[in-house]
N, C-alpha and C. Protein backbone atom coordinates (compact mmCIF):
# COMPACT_ATOMS: atom_id res chain seq x y z
N UNK A 1 -6.80 -34.48 -1.20
CA UNK A 1 -7.01 -33.50 -0.15
C UNK A 1 -8.44 -32.99 -0.23
N UNK A 2 -9.04 -32.81 0.91
CA UNK A 2 -10.40 -32.28 0.96
C UNK A 2 -10.37 -30.76 0.85
N UNK A 3 -11.51 -30.20 0.49
CA UNK A 3 -11.60 -28.73 0.46
C UNK A 3 -11.43 -28.15 1.85
N UNK A 4 -11.91 -28.86 2.86
CA UNK A 4 -11.73 -28.37 4.23
C UNK A 4 -10.25 -28.24 4.57
N UNK A 5 -9.45 -29.21 4.10
CA UNK A 5 -8.00 -29.14 4.35
C UNK A 5 -7.40 -27.94 3.60
N UNK A 6 -7.83 -27.72 2.36
CA UNK A 6 -7.35 -26.57 1.60
C UNK A 6 -7.74 -25.27 2.31
N UNK A 7 -9.00 -25.17 2.71
CA UNK A 7 -9.50 -23.95 3.33
C UNK A 7 -8.82 -23.63 4.67
N UNK A 8 -8.18 -24.62 5.29
CA UNK A 8 -7.52 -24.42 6.58
C UNK A 8 -6.05 -24.05 6.43
N UNK A 9 -5.53 -24.08 5.22
CA UNK A 9 -4.11 -23.79 5.00
C UNK A 9 -3.85 -22.27 5.13
N UNK A 10 -2.79 -21.90 5.84
CA UNK A 10 -2.48 -20.48 6.02
C UNK A 10 -2.35 -19.72 4.69
N UNK A 11 -1.69 -20.30 3.71
CA UNK A 11 -1.50 -19.60 2.44
C UNK A 11 -2.85 -19.32 1.77
N UNK A 12 -3.75 -20.28 1.82
CA UNK A 12 -5.08 -20.08 1.23
C UNK A 12 -5.84 -18.98 1.98
N UNK A 13 -5.78 -19.03 3.31
CA UNK A 13 -6.49 -18.03 4.12
C UNK A 13 -5.92 -16.63 3.89
N UNK A 14 -4.61 -16.51 3.76
CA UNK A 14 -4.00 -15.20 3.50
C UNK A 14 -4.41 -14.69 2.12
N UNK A 15 -4.43 -15.58 1.13
CA UNK A 15 -4.87 -15.18 -0.22
C UNK A 15 -6.31 -14.70 -0.18
N UNK A 16 -7.17 -15.43 0.52
CA UNK A 16 -8.59 -15.02 0.62
C UNK A 16 -8.72 -13.70 1.37
N UNK A 17 -7.95 -13.54 2.44
CA UNK A 17 -7.99 -12.28 3.20
C UNK A 17 -7.55 -11.11 2.32
N UNK A 18 -6.55 -11.35 1.47
CA UNK A 18 -6.10 -10.31 0.54
C UNK A 18 -7.23 -9.96 -0.44
N UNK A 19 -7.91 -10.96 -0.98
CA UNK A 19 -9.03 -10.72 -1.90
C UNK A 19 -10.11 -9.89 -1.21
N UNK A 20 -10.43 -10.26 0.01
CA UNK A 20 -11.47 -9.56 0.77
C UNK A 20 -11.04 -8.12 1.06
N UNK A 21 -9.80 -7.96 1.49
CA UNK A 21 -9.27 -6.63 1.78
C UNK A 21 -9.31 -5.74 0.54
N UNK A 22 -8.87 -6.28 -0.59
CA UNK A 22 -8.87 -5.54 -1.85
C UNK A 22 -10.30 -5.14 -2.24
N UNK A 23 -11.24 -6.08 -2.13
CA UNK A 23 -12.63 -5.80 -2.50
C UNK A 23 -13.24 -4.72 -1.61
N UNK A 24 -12.96 -4.78 -0.32
CA UNK A 24 -13.47 -3.76 0.60
C UNK A 24 -12.88 -2.40 0.26
N UNK A 25 -11.59 -2.36 -0.01
CA UNK A 25 -10.94 -1.09 -0.36
C UNK A 25 -11.57 -0.51 -1.61
N UNK A 26 -11.72 -1.32 -2.65
CA UNK A 26 -12.30 -0.81 -3.90
C UNK A 26 -13.74 -0.34 -3.69
N UNK A 27 -14.47 -1.02 -2.84
CA UNK A 27 -15.86 -0.63 -2.55
C UNK A 27 -15.89 0.72 -1.84
N UNK A 28 -15.13 0.87 -0.79
CA UNK A 28 -15.15 2.09 0.01
C UNK A 28 -14.52 3.28 -0.71
N UNK A 29 -13.54 3.01 -1.57
CA UNK A 29 -12.80 4.10 -2.22
C UNK A 29 -13.18 4.27 -3.69
N UNK A 30 -14.29 3.71 -4.10
CA UNK A 30 -14.71 3.77 -5.50
C UNK A 30 -14.81 5.20 -6.02
N UNK A 31 -15.34 6.10 -5.22
CA UNK A 31 -15.51 7.49 -5.67
C UNK A 31 -14.18 8.20 -5.92
N UNK A 32 -13.09 7.64 -5.37
CA UNK A 32 -11.78 8.25 -5.53
C UNK A 32 -10.97 7.59 -6.63
N UNK A 33 -11.49 6.51 -7.23
CA UNK A 33 -10.80 5.76 -8.29
C UNK A 33 -9.36 5.46 -7.87
N UNK A 34 -9.23 4.87 -6.70
CA UNK A 34 -7.94 4.64 -6.08
C UNK A 34 -7.81 3.17 -5.70
N UNK A 35 -6.65 2.58 -5.99
CA UNK A 35 -6.38 1.20 -5.57
C UNK A 35 -5.57 1.22 -4.28
N UNK A 36 -5.52 0.11 -3.58
CA UNK A 36 -4.70 0.07 -2.36
C UNK A 36 -3.23 0.41 -2.61
N UNK A 37 -2.66 -0.03 -3.70
CA UNK A 37 -1.25 0.26 -4.00
C UNK A 37 -1.08 1.75 -4.30
N UNK A 38 -2.00 2.34 -5.03
CA UNK A 38 -1.92 3.78 -5.31
C UNK A 38 -2.03 4.58 -4.01
N UNK A 39 -2.92 4.15 -3.13
CA UNK A 39 -3.06 4.82 -1.84
C UNK A 39 -1.76 4.71 -1.04
N UNK A 40 -1.17 3.52 -1.02
CA UNK A 40 0.09 3.33 -0.30
C UNK A 40 1.18 4.22 -0.88
N UNK A 41 1.25 4.30 -2.20
CA UNK A 41 2.26 5.13 -2.85
C UNK A 41 2.06 6.60 -2.50
N UNK A 42 0.84 7.08 -2.59
CA UNK A 42 0.57 8.48 -2.25
C UNK A 42 0.91 8.77 -0.80
N UNK A 43 0.56 7.86 0.09
CA UNK A 43 0.84 8.04 1.52
C UNK A 43 2.34 8.09 1.78
N UNK A 44 3.09 7.21 1.13
CA UNK A 44 4.54 7.18 1.32
C UNK A 44 5.18 8.43 0.74
N UNK A 45 4.68 8.90 -0.40
CA UNK A 45 5.22 10.12 -1.00
C UNK A 45 4.93 11.32 -0.09
N UNK A 46 3.75 11.33 0.50
CA UNK A 46 3.43 12.41 1.43
C UNK A 46 4.40 12.38 2.63
N UNK A 47 4.71 11.19 3.13
CA UNK A 47 5.59 11.06 4.28
C UNK A 47 7.05 11.37 3.93
N UNK A 48 7.44 11.09 2.68
CA UNK A 48 8.83 11.30 2.24
C UNK A 48 8.83 12.03 0.91
N UNK A 49 8.56 13.32 0.99
CA UNK A 49 8.54 14.16 -0.21
C UNK A 49 9.90 14.12 -0.90
N UNK A 50 9.88 14.25 -2.21
CA UNK A 50 11.11 14.25 -3.01
C UNK A 50 11.85 12.91 -2.92
N UNK A 51 11.08 11.83 -2.93
CA UNK A 51 11.68 10.51 -2.95
C UNK A 51 11.81 10.04 -4.39
N UNK A 52 12.53 8.95 -4.60
CA UNK A 52 12.63 8.39 -5.94
C UNK A 52 11.90 7.05 -5.98
N UNK A 53 11.73 6.52 -7.17
CA UNK A 53 10.94 5.31 -7.36
C UNK A 53 11.53 4.11 -6.62
N UNK A 54 12.84 4.01 -6.56
CA UNK A 54 13.46 2.88 -5.86
C UNK A 54 13.15 2.94 -4.37
N UNK A 55 13.32 4.10 -3.79
CA UNK A 55 13.00 4.24 -2.35
C UNK A 55 11.50 4.04 -2.11
N UNK A 56 10.69 4.57 -2.98
CA UNK A 56 9.25 4.40 -2.84
C UNK A 56 8.88 2.92 -2.86
N UNK A 57 9.42 2.18 -3.80
CA UNK A 57 9.09 0.75 -3.87
C UNK A 57 9.54 0.04 -2.60
N UNK A 58 10.65 0.45 -2.01
CA UNK A 58 11.11 -0.14 -0.75
C UNK A 58 10.19 0.22 0.41
N UNK A 59 9.68 1.45 0.42
CA UNK A 59 8.82 1.88 1.51
C UNK A 59 7.49 1.15 1.53
N UNK A 60 6.95 0.83 0.35
CA UNK A 60 5.63 0.21 0.31
C UNK A 60 5.67 -1.26 -0.07
N UNK A 61 6.88 -1.82 -0.15
CA UNK A 61 7.06 -3.24 -0.46
C UNK A 61 6.39 -3.60 -1.79
N UNK A 62 6.73 -2.83 -2.80
CA UNK A 62 6.17 -3.06 -4.14
C UNK A 62 7.32 -3.27 -5.11
N UNK A 63 7.14 -4.17 -6.03
CA UNK A 63 8.20 -4.53 -6.96
C UNK A 63 8.67 -3.32 -7.76
N UNK A 64 9.97 -3.10 -7.77
CA UNK A 64 10.57 -1.94 -8.44
C UNK A 64 10.25 -1.91 -9.94
N UNK A 65 10.18 -3.08 -10.54
CA UNK A 65 9.97 -3.12 -11.99
C UNK A 65 8.55 -2.72 -12.39
N UNK A 66 7.61 -2.73 -11.46
CA UNK A 66 6.23 -2.36 -11.81
C UNK A 66 5.74 -1.08 -11.14
N UNK A 67 6.56 -0.47 -10.28
CA UNK A 67 6.13 0.77 -9.63
C UNK A 67 5.96 1.88 -10.66
N UNK A 68 6.72 1.82 -11.74
CA UNK A 68 6.63 2.86 -12.77
C UNK A 68 5.25 3.02 -13.35
N UNK A 69 4.55 1.91 -13.57
CA UNK A 69 3.19 2.01 -14.14
C UNK A 69 2.22 2.64 -13.14
N UNK A 70 2.43 2.39 -11.85
CA UNK A 70 1.61 3.03 -10.81
C UNK A 70 1.87 4.53 -10.84
N UNK A 71 3.15 4.90 -10.90
CA UNK A 71 3.50 6.32 -10.92
C UNK A 71 3.00 7.01 -12.19
N UNK A 72 3.05 6.31 -13.32
CA UNK A 72 2.52 6.88 -14.56
C UNK A 72 1.04 7.24 -14.41
N UNK A 73 0.27 6.35 -13.81
CA UNK A 73 -1.17 6.60 -13.64
C UNK A 73 -1.42 7.76 -12.68
N UNK A 74 -0.65 7.79 -11.59
CA UNK A 74 -0.81 8.89 -10.62
C UNK A 74 -0.42 10.23 -11.22
N UNK A 75 0.64 10.23 -12.02
CA UNK A 75 1.08 11.46 -12.68
C UNK A 75 0.05 11.91 -13.72
N UNK A 76 -0.48 10.97 -14.47
CA UNK A 76 -1.47 11.30 -15.50
C UNK A 76 -2.73 11.92 -14.87
N UNK A 77 -3.06 11.50 -13.65
CA UNK A 77 -4.21 12.06 -12.94
C UNK A 77 -3.88 13.39 -12.25
N UNK A 78 -2.63 13.80 -12.30
CA UNK A 78 -2.23 15.05 -11.68
C UNK A 78 -2.04 14.96 -10.18
N UNK A 79 -1.83 13.75 -9.65
CA UNK A 79 -1.70 13.56 -8.21
C UNK A 79 -0.25 13.65 -7.73
N UNK A 80 0.69 13.38 -8.63
CA UNK A 80 2.11 13.49 -8.32
C UNK A 80 2.81 14.21 -9.46
N UNK A 81 4.03 14.62 -9.18
CA UNK A 81 4.90 15.11 -10.25
C UNK A 81 6.27 14.49 -10.04
N UNK A 82 6.97 14.32 -11.15
CA UNK A 82 8.32 13.76 -11.11
C UNK A 82 9.26 14.77 -11.76
N UNK A 83 10.20 15.25 -10.97
CA UNK A 83 11.14 16.25 -11.44
C UNK A 83 12.56 15.68 -11.38
N UNK A 84 13.41 16.11 -12.31
CA UNK A 84 14.81 15.65 -12.27
C UNK A 84 15.49 16.07 -10.96
N UNK A 85 16.30 15.19 -10.42
CA UNK A 85 17.07 15.50 -9.22
C UNK A 85 18.13 16.54 -9.58
N UNK A 86 18.36 17.50 -8.70
CA UNK A 86 19.41 18.49 -8.97
C UNK A 86 20.81 17.86 -8.90
N UNK A 87 20.91 16.68 -8.27
CA UNK A 87 22.20 16.02 -8.11
C UNK A 87 22.48 14.97 -9.18
N UNK A 88 21.41 14.41 -9.74
CA UNK A 88 21.56 13.37 -10.76
C UNK A 88 20.37 13.49 -11.72
N UNK A 89 20.58 14.08 -12.86
CA UNK A 89 19.48 14.36 -13.80
C UNK A 89 18.78 13.11 -14.29
N UNK A 90 19.41 11.93 -14.14
CA UNK A 90 18.77 10.68 -14.55
C UNK A 90 17.71 10.25 -13.53
N UNK A 91 17.84 10.71 -12.31
CA UNK A 91 16.93 10.33 -11.24
C UNK A 91 15.76 11.31 -11.17
N UNK A 92 14.56 10.78 -11.04
CA UNK A 92 13.36 11.61 -10.90
C UNK A 92 12.93 11.60 -9.43
N UNK A 93 12.68 12.78 -8.89
CA UNK A 93 12.19 12.91 -7.53
C UNK A 93 10.68 13.13 -7.56
N UNK A 94 9.99 12.39 -6.73
CA UNK A 94 8.53 12.35 -6.76
C UNK A 94 7.96 13.18 -5.62
N UNK A 95 6.97 13.98 -5.95
CA UNK A 95 6.28 14.80 -4.95
C UNK A 95 4.78 14.74 -5.21
N UNK A 96 4.03 14.96 -4.15
CA UNK A 96 2.58 15.10 -4.31
C UNK A 96 2.26 16.48 -4.86
N UNK A 97 1.25 16.55 -5.68
CA UNK A 97 0.71 17.84 -6.09
C UNK A 97 -0.33 18.25 -5.05
N UNK A 98 -0.80 19.46 -5.15
CA UNK A 98 -1.88 19.90 -4.25
C UNK A 98 -3.10 18.98 -4.43
N UNK A 99 -3.35 18.58 -5.66
CA UNK A 99 -4.48 17.67 -5.93
C UNK A 99 -4.26 16.32 -5.25
N UNK A 100 -3.03 15.81 -5.24
CA UNK A 100 -2.71 14.55 -4.57
C UNK A 100 -2.90 14.65 -3.06
N UNK A 101 -2.46 15.78 -2.48
CA UNK A 101 -2.65 15.99 -1.04
C UNK A 101 -4.14 16.06 -0.70
N UNK A 102 -4.88 16.74 -1.55
CA UNK A 102 -6.32 16.87 -1.31
C UNK A 102 -7.01 15.50 -1.41
N UNK A 103 -6.62 14.70 -2.38
CA UNK A 103 -7.22 13.37 -2.51
C UNK A 103 -6.95 12.53 -1.26
N UNK A 104 -5.74 12.59 -0.73
CA UNK A 104 -5.45 11.85 0.50
C UNK A 104 -6.33 12.31 1.65
N UNK A 105 -6.53 13.61 1.77
CA UNK A 105 -7.42 14.13 2.82
C UNK A 105 -8.86 13.68 2.57
N UNK A 106 -9.29 13.75 1.32
CA UNK A 106 -10.68 13.41 0.98
C UNK A 106 -11.00 11.93 1.22
N UNK A 107 -10.02 11.06 1.01
CA UNK A 107 -10.30 9.62 1.12
C UNK A 107 -10.01 9.06 2.51
N UNK A 108 -9.55 9.90 3.42
CA UNK A 108 -9.17 9.44 4.76
C UNK A 108 -10.30 8.68 5.47
N UNK A 109 -11.51 9.22 5.45
CA UNK A 109 -12.63 8.55 6.12
C UNK A 109 -12.94 7.20 5.45
N UNK A 110 -12.86 7.16 4.13
CA UNK A 110 -13.12 5.90 3.41
C UNK A 110 -12.07 4.85 3.77
N UNK A 111 -10.82 5.26 3.86
CA UNK A 111 -9.75 4.31 4.20
C UNK A 111 -9.92 3.82 5.64
N UNK A 112 -10.36 4.69 6.53
CA UNK A 112 -10.65 4.26 7.90
C UNK A 112 -11.78 3.23 7.90
N UNK A 113 -12.81 3.47 7.09
CA UNK A 113 -13.90 2.49 6.99
C UNK A 113 -13.39 1.15 6.47
N UNK A 114 -12.46 1.18 5.53
CA UNK A 114 -11.87 -0.06 5.02
C UNK A 114 -11.27 -0.85 6.17
N UNK A 115 -10.42 -0.19 6.95
CA UNK A 115 -9.76 -0.88 8.06
C UNK A 115 -10.78 -1.44 9.04
N UNK A 116 -11.79 -0.65 9.34
CA UNK A 116 -12.82 -1.09 10.28
C UNK A 116 -13.63 -2.26 9.74
N UNK A 117 -13.92 -2.25 8.46
CA UNK A 117 -14.67 -3.38 7.87
C UNK A 117 -13.84 -4.65 7.86
N UNK A 118 -12.55 -4.52 7.63
CA UNK A 118 -11.70 -5.71 7.57
C UNK A 118 -11.63 -6.39 8.93
N UNK A 119 -11.36 -5.64 9.98
CA UNK A 119 -11.18 -6.25 11.30
C UNK A 119 -12.38 -6.05 12.22
N UNK A 120 -13.37 -5.33 11.76
CA UNK A 120 -14.54 -5.02 12.59
C UNK A 120 -15.36 -6.24 12.98
N UNK A 121 -15.17 -7.35 12.30
CA UNK A 121 -15.89 -8.58 12.63
C UNK A 121 -15.29 -9.26 13.86
N UNK A 122 -14.15 -8.76 14.31
CA UNK A 122 -13.46 -9.32 15.47
C UNK A 122 -13.70 -8.45 16.70
N UNK A 123 -13.60 -9.07 17.87
CA UNK A 123 -13.66 -8.28 19.11
C UNK A 123 -12.39 -7.44 19.20
N UNK A 124 -12.39 -6.48 20.11
CA UNK A 124 -11.22 -5.62 20.27
C UNK A 124 -9.98 -6.44 20.60
N UNK A 125 -10.13 -7.39 21.50
CA UNK A 125 -9.00 -8.25 21.88
C UNK A 125 -8.53 -9.09 20.69
N UNK A 126 -9.47 -9.62 19.91
CA UNK A 126 -9.11 -10.41 18.73
C UNK A 126 -8.39 -9.55 17.70
N UNK A 127 -8.88 -8.31 17.49
CA UNK A 127 -8.22 -7.40 16.55
C UNK A 127 -6.77 -7.15 16.96
N UNK A 128 -6.57 -6.85 18.24
CA UNK A 128 -5.22 -6.59 18.72
C UNK A 128 -4.32 -7.80 18.52
N UNK A 129 -4.83 -8.98 18.84
CA UNK A 129 -4.04 -10.20 18.68
C UNK A 129 -3.78 -10.50 17.20
N UNK A 130 -4.82 -10.34 16.37
CA UNK A 130 -4.68 -10.58 14.93
C UNK A 130 -3.62 -9.66 14.34
N UNK A 131 -3.70 -8.37 14.63
CA UNK A 131 -2.74 -7.42 14.08
C UNK A 131 -1.33 -7.68 14.60
N UNK A 132 -1.22 -8.05 15.87
CA UNK A 132 0.09 -8.37 16.44
C UNK A 132 0.69 -9.58 15.73
N UNK A 133 -0.09 -10.63 15.53
CA UNK A 133 0.42 -11.84 14.88
C UNK A 133 0.69 -11.61 13.40
N UNK A 134 -0.19 -10.90 12.71
CA UNK A 134 0.01 -10.62 11.29
C UNK A 134 1.28 -9.77 11.09
N UNK A 135 1.47 -8.78 11.94
CA UNK A 135 2.67 -7.96 11.88
C UNK A 135 3.91 -8.82 12.10
N UNK A 136 3.85 -9.72 13.03
CA UNK A 136 5.00 -10.61 13.31
C UNK A 136 5.30 -11.49 12.10
N UNK A 137 4.28 -12.07 11.48
CA UNK A 137 4.48 -12.90 10.29
C UNK A 137 5.14 -12.08 9.18
N UNK A 138 4.63 -10.89 8.96
CA UNK A 138 5.16 -10.03 7.89
C UNK A 138 6.61 -9.63 8.19
N UNK A 139 6.87 -9.21 9.41
CA UNK A 139 8.23 -8.78 9.75
C UNK A 139 9.23 -9.93 9.67
N UNK A 140 8.86 -11.10 10.16
CA UNK A 140 9.79 -12.23 10.18
C UNK A 140 10.03 -12.82 8.79
N UNK A 141 9.12 -12.57 7.86
CA UNK A 141 9.26 -13.09 6.51
C UNK A 141 9.56 -12.01 5.48
N UNK A 142 9.82 -10.80 5.92
CA UNK A 142 10.03 -9.66 5.02
C UNK A 142 11.10 -9.92 3.97
N UNK A 143 12.21 -10.49 4.38
CA UNK A 143 13.37 -10.61 3.48
C UNK A 143 13.23 -11.69 2.41
N UNK A 144 12.21 -12.53 2.49
CA UNK A 144 12.11 -13.60 1.49
C UNK A 144 11.29 -13.19 0.27
N UNK A 145 10.73 -11.99 0.29
CA UNK A 145 9.92 -11.56 -0.85
C UNK A 145 10.78 -10.85 -1.89
N UNK A 146 10.22 -10.71 -3.06
CA UNK A 146 10.93 -9.97 -4.11
C UNK A 146 10.86 -8.47 -3.89
N UNK A 147 10.01 -8.03 -2.96
CA UNK A 147 9.87 -6.60 -2.67
C UNK A 147 9.77 -6.38 -1.15
N UNK A 148 10.87 -6.59 -0.44
CA UNK A 148 10.82 -6.38 1.01
C UNK A 148 10.74 -4.90 1.37
N UNK A 149 10.14 -4.63 2.51
CA UNK A 149 10.18 -3.26 3.02
C UNK A 149 11.58 -3.02 3.54
N UNK A 150 12.15 -1.88 3.13
CA UNK A 150 13.49 -1.51 3.59
C UNK A 150 13.42 -0.15 4.23
N UNK A 151 14.26 0.05 5.23
CA UNK A 151 14.34 1.35 5.88
C UNK A 151 14.81 2.38 4.86
N UNK A 152 14.20 3.54 4.91
CA UNK A 152 14.56 4.62 4.00
C UNK A 152 15.36 5.64 4.77
N UNK A 153 16.50 6.01 4.22
CA UNK A 153 17.33 7.05 4.84
C UNK A 153 16.61 8.38 4.73
N UNK A 154 16.63 9.11 5.80
CA UNK A 154 16.00 10.45 5.81
C UNK A 154 16.86 11.44 5.07
């Protein structure tokens, strides 16, 4: 197989796009010492206060077995807190701290720049089509991953 054939394969292109997306995020958000997964976790916790790790992993499509290390880092930085559930003391409910809320507000412009840098090389029509098709691929293949996005009960 030629390199041109490899470079044209969807899986290769998606992997490269992920690398590029990750690099842009780390560049724009360097001052916040935040990774894309940490940002997703903080955003989901803000949207669903008092959630647990299982629901959080479902909301952000992250493997349940490794979400704990993400939460440990966020808690150590004082961005979240985990308190025992009043209904089940074995379950920890996750909330943002004031510092976590402030970090999300502070990094908002940087995260917007990330999105703009990723798709900004495309025309408006291309961006709309790209996002529509990428969303369709993700939605139609959601259930085959080890960490599918699942609806969270309110």
